[in-house]
Amino acid sequence: MASVTISGIKNCDTMKKAFVWLDAHGIAYDFHDYKKLGVAEADLARWSDAAGWGKLLNRGGTTFRKLPDADQQDLTRDKAIALMVAHPSMIKRPVLEKGEVLEIGFRPERYAALFAG
């Protein structure tokens, strides 16, 4: 069975829902709290390449909205990654990795499909 890593911020409500779902289904996982531990630029680059940086960057959150206009405008992959390294709260949560599979955000039906069988 592929190892499972879930990354995010422990106190996030969406993260809590994902933890509850994983625990209820008996799925073992490693948790990486990127608010406390930070996030590697290489991980963000890999996630961005797999899912698209636009899906990974949470533009609706308070942290992004409080940025200066210059930081919010003319976003590119590299600029978005630099912002997420500097402000991990801007990364959509959770980021779940199961082997080579990457899931951004929590939707019970997506997790059920990912862990089916």
N, C-alpha and C. Protein backbone atom coordinates (compact mmCIF):
# COMPACT_ATOMS: atom_id res chain seq x y z
N MET A 1 0.85 -1.19 0.00
CA MET A 1 0.00 0.00 0.00
C MET A 1 0.88 1.24 0.00
N ALA A 2 0.54 2.20 -0.83
CA ALA A 2 1.32 3.43 -0.92
C ALA A 2 1.22 4.22 0.37
N SER A 3 2.31 4.87 0.74
CA SER A 3 2.26 5.70 1.94
C SER A 3 1.43 6.94 1.66
N VAL A 4 0.85 7.47 2.71
CA VAL A 4 -0.03 8.62 2.60
C VAL A 4 0.54 9.75 3.46
N THR A 5 0.69 10.90 2.84
CA THR A 5 1.11 12.10 3.56
C THR A 5 0.06 13.17 3.32
N ILE A 6 -0.35 13.82 4.39
CA ILE A 6 -1.30 14.92 4.29
C ILE A 6 -0.60 16.16 4.85
N SER A 7 -0.62 17.23 4.05
CA SER A 7 0.05 18.46 4.43
C SER A 7 -0.97 19.57 4.57
N GLY A 8 -0.74 20.44 5.54
CA GLY A 8 -1.64 21.54 5.77
C GLY A 8 -1.37 22.21 7.10
N ILE A 9 -2.39 22.80 7.65
CA ILE A 9 -2.31 23.52 8.92
C ILE A 9 -3.27 22.84 9.90
N LYS A 10 -2.74 22.42 11.03
CA LYS A 10 -3.48 21.57 11.96
C LYS A 10 -4.84 22.13 12.36
N ASN A 11 -4.95 23.42 12.61
CA ASN A 11 -6.18 23.99 13.13
C ASN A 11 -7.20 24.39 12.06
N CYS A 12 -6.90 24.14 10.82
CA CYS A 12 -7.81 24.46 9.72
C CYS A 12 -9.03 23.54 9.78
N ASP A 13 -10.22 24.09 9.62
CA ASP A 13 -11.45 23.29 9.68
C ASP A 13 -11.49 22.22 8.60
N THR A 14 -11.04 22.54 7.40
CA THR A 14 -11.02 21.56 6.32
C THR A 14 -10.05 20.43 6.62
N MET A 15 -8.93 20.77 7.22
CA MET A 15 -7.96 19.74 7.62
C MET A 15 -8.60 18.81 8.65
N LYS A 16 -9.31 19.39 9.61
CA LYS A 16 -9.95 18.57 10.64
C LYS A 16 -10.93 17.58 10.02
N LYS A 17 -11.68 18.01 9.00
CA LYS A 17 -12.62 17.12 8.32
C LYS A 17 -11.86 15.99 7.63
N ALA A 18 -10.74 16.32 7.01
CA ALA A 18 -9.94 15.30 6.33
C ALA A 18 -9.37 14.30 7.33
N PHE A 19 -8.87 14.80 8.48
CA PHE A 19 -8.35 13.90 9.52
C PHE A 19 -9.44 12.94 10.00
N VAL A 20 -10.62 13.49 10.25
CA VAL A 20 -11.74 12.67 10.73
C VAL A 20 -12.07 11.59 9.70
N TRP A 21 -12.12 11.97 8.43
CA TRP A 21 -12.44 11.00 7.37
C TRP A 21 -11.38 9.90 7.32
N LEU A 22 -10.11 10.29 7.30
CA LEU A 22 -9.02 9.31 7.24
C LEU A 22 -9.05 8.37 8.45
N ASP A 23 -9.22 8.95 9.63
CA ASP A 23 -9.26 8.14 10.86
C ASP A 23 -10.45 7.18 10.84
N ALA A 24 -11.62 7.65 10.42
CA ALA A 24 -12.83 6.83 10.39
C ALA A 24 -12.69 5.66 9.42
N HIS A 25 -11.84 5.84 8.39
CA HIS A 25 -11.65 4.78 7.40
C HIS A 25 -10.38 3.97 7.66
N GLY A 26 -9.77 4.19 8.82
CA GLY A 26 -8.61 3.39 9.21
C GLY A 26 -7.40 3.58 8.33
N ILE A 27 -7.24 4.77 7.78
CA ILE A 27 -6.13 5.04 6.87
C ILE A 27 -5.00 5.72 7.65
N ALA A 28 -3.86 5.06 7.67
CA ALA A 28 -2.68 5.62 8.34
C ALA A 28 -2.06 6.69 7.45
N TYR A 29 -1.58 7.75 8.06
CA TYR A 29 -0.99 8.86 7.30
C TYR A 29 0.06 9.56 8.13
N ASP A 30 0.95 10.22 7.43
CA ASP A 30 1.90 11.14 8.06
C ASP A 30 1.37 12.53 7.84
N PHE A 31 1.48 13.38 8.85
CA PHE A 31 1.01 14.77 8.75
C PHE A 31 2.18 15.72 8.74
N HIS A 32 2.18 16.63 7.76
CA HIS A 32 3.19 17.68 7.69
C HIS A 32 2.49 19.03 7.88
N ASP A 33 2.76 19.67 9.01
CA ASP A 33 2.16 20.98 9.31
C ASP A 33 3.07 22.05 8.73
N TYR A 34 2.69 22.57 7.57
CA TYR A 34 3.58 23.52 6.92
C TYR A 34 3.50 24.92 7.50
N LYS A 35 2.59 25.15 8.40
CA LYS A 35 2.61 26.43 9.11
C LYS A 35 3.74 26.41 10.14
N LYS A 36 3.94 25.26 10.81
CA LYS A 36 5.00 25.14 11.81
C LYS A 36 6.34 24.76 11.19
N LEU A 37 6.30 23.86 10.21
CA LEU A 37 7.54 23.30 9.67
C LEU A 37 7.98 23.94 8.36
N GLY A 38 7.11 24.76 7.78
CA GLY A 38 7.43 25.34 6.48
C GLY A 38 7.16 24.33 5.38
N VAL A 39 7.36 24.77 4.17
CA VAL A 39 7.15 23.91 3.01
C VAL A 39 8.31 24.13 2.05
N ALA A 40 8.83 23.05 1.53
CA ALA A 40 9.96 23.13 0.62
C ALA A 40 9.53 23.64 -0.75
N GLU A 41 10.35 24.48 -1.32
CA GLU A 41 10.07 24.99 -2.66
C GLU A 41 9.95 23.83 -3.65
N ALA A 42 10.75 22.80 -3.46
CA ALA A 42 10.70 21.63 -4.36
C ALA A 42 9.35 20.93 -4.28
N ASP A 43 8.76 20.84 -3.08
CA ASP A 43 7.44 20.24 -2.94
C ASP A 43 6.39 21.08 -3.65
N LEU A 44 6.46 22.39 -3.47
CA LEU A 44 5.50 23.28 -4.14
C LEU A 44 5.65 23.19 -5.65
N ALA A 45 6.86 23.10 -6.14
CA ALA A 45 7.09 22.97 -7.58
C ALA A 45 6.49 21.65 -8.09
N ARG A 46 6.72 20.57 -7.36
CA ARG A 46 6.19 19.26 -7.75
C ARG A 46 4.66 19.28 -7.73
N TRP A 47 4.08 19.84 -6.67
CA TRP A 47 2.62 19.93 -6.57
C TRP A 47 2.05 20.81 -7.69
N SER A 48 2.73 21.93 -7.95
CA SER A 48 2.27 22.85 -9.00
C SER A 48 2.32 22.17 -10.36
N ASP A 49 3.36 21.38 -10.60
CA ASP A 49 3.47 20.68 -11.88
C ASP A 49 2.38 19.61 -12.01
N ALA A 50 2.05 18.97 -10.91
CA ALA A 50 1.05 17.90 -10.94
C ALA A 50 -0.38 18.43 -11.01
N ALA A 51 -0.67 19.48 -10.26
CA ALA A 51 -2.06 19.95 -10.13
C ALA A 51 -2.29 21.33 -10.75
N GLY A 52 -1.22 22.05 -11.01
CA GLY A 52 -1.34 23.42 -11.48
C GLY A 52 -1.24 24.39 -10.31
N TRP A 53 -0.40 25.39 -10.45
CA TRP A 53 -0.21 26.33 -9.35
C TRP A 53 -1.49 27.09 -9.04
N GLY A 54 -2.33 27.29 -10.03
CA GLY A 54 -3.59 28.00 -9.81
C GLY A 54 -4.54 27.26 -8.89
N LYS A 55 -4.47 25.94 -8.92
CA LYS A 55 -5.30 25.13 -8.02
C LYS A 55 -4.72 25.10 -6.62
N LEU A 56 -3.40 25.20 -6.53
CA LEU A 56 -2.70 25.11 -5.26
C LEU A 56 -2.75 26.42 -4.46
N LEU A 57 -2.73 27.53 -5.15
CA LEU A 57 -2.72 28.85 -4.50
C LEU A 57 -4.13 29.26 -4.10
N ASN A 58 -4.33 29.50 -2.81
CA ASN A 58 -5.64 29.91 -2.30
C ASN A 58 -5.76 31.44 -2.40
N ARG A 59 -6.36 31.89 -3.48
CA ARG A 59 -6.53 33.33 -3.69
C ARG A 59 -7.68 33.91 -2.89
N GLY A 60 -8.55 33.05 -2.37
CA GLY A 60 -9.72 33.53 -1.63
C GLY A 60 -9.46 33.74 -0.15
N GLY A 61 -8.31 33.29 0.32
CA GLY A 61 -8.01 33.40 1.75
C GLY A 61 -7.56 34.78 2.16
N THR A 62 -7.63 35.02 3.45
CA THR A 62 -7.26 36.31 4.03
C THR A 62 -5.80 36.67 3.74
N THR A 63 -4.91 35.70 3.84
CA THR A 63 -3.48 35.98 3.64
C THR A 63 -3.24 36.54 2.25
N PHE A 64 -3.82 35.93 1.23
CA PHE A 64 -3.63 36.42 -0.14
C PHE A 64 -4.26 37.80 -0.32
N ARG A 65 -5.47 37.96 0.20
CA ARG A 65 -6.18 39.23 0.01
C ARG A 65 -5.47 40.40 0.70
N LYS A 66 -4.67 40.11 1.74
CA LYS A 66 -3.96 41.18 2.45
C LYS A 66 -2.63 41.55 1.78
N LEU A 67 -2.24 40.80 0.76
CA LEU A 67 -1.00 41.12 0.07
C LEU A 67 -1.11 42.45 -0.66
N PRO A 68 0.01 43.13 -0.86
CA PRO A 68 -0.02 44.33 -1.69
C PRO A 68 -0.49 43.96 -3.11
N ASP A 69 -1.12 44.91 -3.78
CA ASP A 69 -1.62 44.66 -5.13
C ASP A 69 -0.53 44.13 -6.06
N ALA A 70 0.67 44.65 -5.92
CA ALA A 70 1.77 44.22 -6.80
C ALA A 70 2.06 42.73 -6.65
N ASP A 71 1.89 42.19 -5.45
CA ASP A 71 2.12 40.76 -5.23
C ASP A 71 0.98 39.92 -5.80
N GLN A 72 -0.22 40.47 -5.81
CA GLN A 72 -1.39 39.72 -6.28
C GLN A 72 -1.49 39.70 -7.80
N GLN A 73 -0.85 40.65 -8.45
CA GLN A 73 -1.00 40.81 -9.90
C GLN A 73 0.13 40.11 -10.65
N ASP A 74 -0.15 39.83 -11.91
CA ASP A 74 0.84 39.24 -12.82
C ASP A 74 1.44 37.97 -12.25
N LEU A 75 0.59 37.11 -11.73
CA LEU A 75 1.08 35.86 -11.14
C LEU A 75 1.58 34.91 -12.21
N THR A 76 2.68 34.28 -11.89
CA THR A 76 3.24 33.21 -12.70
C THR A 76 3.46 32.03 -11.77
N ARG A 77 3.83 30.91 -12.32
CA ARG A 77 4.11 29.74 -11.51
C ARG A 77 5.19 30.06 -10.48
N ASP A 78 6.29 30.65 -10.92
CA ASP A 78 7.41 30.93 -10.01
C ASP A 78 7.04 31.96 -8.94
N LYS A 79 6.29 32.98 -9.34
CA LYS A 79 5.87 34.00 -8.37
C LYS A 79 4.91 33.38 -7.34
N ALA A 80 4.00 32.54 -7.80
CA ALA A 80 3.05 31.89 -6.89
C ALA A 80 3.79 30.98 -5.91
N ILE A 81 4.77 30.24 -6.40
CA ILE A 81 5.54 29.36 -5.52
C ILE A 81 6.29 30.18 -4.49
N ALA A 82 6.90 31.27 -4.90
CA ALA A 82 7.63 32.13 -3.96
C ALA A 82 6.69 32.68 -2.89
N LEU A 83 5.49 33.08 -3.28
CA LEU A 83 4.50 33.58 -2.32
C LEU A 83 4.10 32.48 -1.34
N MET A 84 3.90 31.26 -1.83
CA MET A 84 3.49 30.16 -0.97
C MET A 84 4.61 29.73 -0.02
N VAL A 85 5.86 29.83 -0.45
CA VAL A 85 6.98 29.54 0.44
C VAL A 85 7.01 30.58 1.57
N ALA A 86 6.82 31.84 1.20
CA ALA A 86 6.86 32.93 2.18
C ALA A 86 5.63 32.93 3.09
N HIS A 87 4.50 32.51 2.55
CA HIS A 87 3.22 32.54 3.29
C HIS A 87 2.50 31.20 3.12
N PRO A 88 2.89 30.16 3.87
CA PRO A 88 2.27 28.84 3.69
C PRO A 88 0.76 28.82 3.88
N SER A 89 0.21 29.80 4.57
CA SER A 89 -1.25 29.86 4.74
C SER A 89 -1.96 30.03 3.40
N MET A 90 -1.24 30.42 2.35
CA MET A 90 -1.83 30.62 1.03
C MET A 90 -2.00 29.32 0.25
N ILE A 91 -1.49 28.23 0.79
CA ILE A 91 -1.60 26.94 0.09
C ILE A 91 -2.95 26.33 0.43
N LYS A 92 -3.69 25.92 -0.61
CA LYS A 92 -4.98 25.25 -0.36
C LYS A 92 -4.74 24.02 0.47
N ARG A 93 -5.73 23.71 1.29
CA ARG A 93 -5.59 22.59 2.22
C ARG A 93 -6.76 21.64 2.10
N PRO A 94 -6.47 20.40 2.41
CA PRO A 94 -5.16 19.76 2.57
C PRO A 94 -4.54 19.40 1.22
N VAL A 95 -3.26 19.10 1.27
CA VAL A 95 -2.58 18.50 0.13
C VAL A 95 -2.29 17.06 0.56
N LEU A 96 -2.93 16.12 -0.12
CA LEU A 96 -2.78 14.72 0.23
C LEU A 96 -2.02 14.02 -0.89
N GLU A 97 -0.99 13.28 -0.49
CA GLU A 97 -0.23 12.49 -1.45
C GLU A 97 -0.35 11.01 -1.08
N LYS A 98 -0.73 10.23 -2.06
CA LYS A 98 -0.78 8.77 -1.90
C LYS A 98 0.04 8.22 -3.06
N GLY A 99 1.28 7.86 -2.75
CA GLY A 99 2.18 7.44 -3.82
C GLY A 99 2.36 8.57 -4.81
N GLU A 100 2.02 8.32 -6.05
CA GLU A 100 2.17 9.34 -7.11
C GLU A 100 0.91 10.19 -7.27
N VAL A 101 -0.14 9.88 -6.53
CA VAL A 101 -1.42 10.58 -6.67
C VAL A 101 -1.44 11.78 -5.73
N LEU A 102 -1.91 12.90 -6.24
CA LEU A 102 -2.00 14.15 -5.48
C LEU A 102 -3.44 14.62 -5.47
N GLU A 103 -3.95 14.95 -4.28
CA GLU A 103 -5.31 15.47 -4.13
C GLU A 103 -5.23 16.78 -3.37
N ILE A 104 -5.77 17.85 -3.96
CA ILE A 104 -5.76 19.17 -3.34
C ILE A 104 -7.17 19.45 -2.83
N GLY A 105 -7.28 19.84 -1.56
CA GLY A 105 -8.59 20.10 -0.97
C GLY A 105 -9.19 18.81 -0.44
N PHE A 106 -10.31 18.94 0.25
CA PHE A 106 -10.98 17.76 0.80
C PHE A 106 -12.40 17.67 0.30
N ARG A 107 -12.67 16.59 -0.39
CA ARG A 107 -14.04 16.24 -0.77
C ARG A 107 -14.18 14.75 -0.46
N PRO A 108 -15.10 14.38 0.42
CA PRO A 108 -15.23 12.98 0.83
C PRO A 108 -15.33 12.01 -0.34
N GLU A 109 -16.06 12.39 -1.38
CA GLU A 109 -16.22 11.48 -2.51
C GLU A 109 -14.90 11.25 -3.25
N ARG A 110 -14.05 12.26 -3.29
CA ARG A 110 -12.72 12.11 -3.94
C ARG A 110 -11.83 11.21 -3.09
N TYR A 111 -11.88 11.39 -1.77
CA TYR A 111 -11.08 10.53 -0.90
C TYR A 111 -11.57 9.09 -1.00
N ALA A 112 -12.89 8.89 -1.04
CA ALA A 112 -13.45 7.54 -1.16
C ALA A 112 -12.96 6.87 -2.43
N ALA A 113 -12.94 7.61 -3.52
CA ALA A 113 -12.47 7.04 -4.79
C ALA A 113 -10.96 6.74 -4.72
N LEU A 114 -10.22 7.63 -4.11
CA LEU A 114 -8.77 7.46 -4.01
C LEU A 114 -8.39 6.23 -3.19
N PHE A 115 -9.17 5.96 -2.15
CA PHE A 115 -8.83 4.85 -1.25
C PHE A 115 -9.69 3.60 -1.48
N ALA A 116 -10.48 3.59 -2.53
CA ALA A 116 -11.30 2.43 -2.84
C ALA A 116 -10.41 1.23 -3.17
N GLY A 117 -10.82 0.07 -2.66
CA GLY A 117 -10.10 -1.17 -2.99
C GLY A 117 -8.86 -1.24 -2.24
